[in-house]
């Protein structure tokens, strides 16, 4: 199932903030389904990688403590208008996603 990954950038005071929103259930593996009374398997994003013009600038290791549909942000220095930003993520079930944008 393709999950929606959205990203936006905002430059201010010499730094650029990159915000990424992923449509993901982020299940901990601790909840039970109220209808079946069975545990819902863990399903969460493990790694998110941020790249600026093809060069890796940040890596976030996520886990079960992150809420559903996580919003993750990082700030990078020296990004200029027109630079390409890419984010990729992977979860514990092998799903992956990515998004690209340019710095405004």
Foldseek 3Di string as FASTA:
>chain_A
DDWDKDWDWDDDDQKIKIKIWIQFQLAQQPDADPVVRHTDHGKHWAKKWKDKQNHTDDMDGDHSVAHGRHIDMDMGGPADFFIKMKMKIAMPVGDIDMDMDTHD
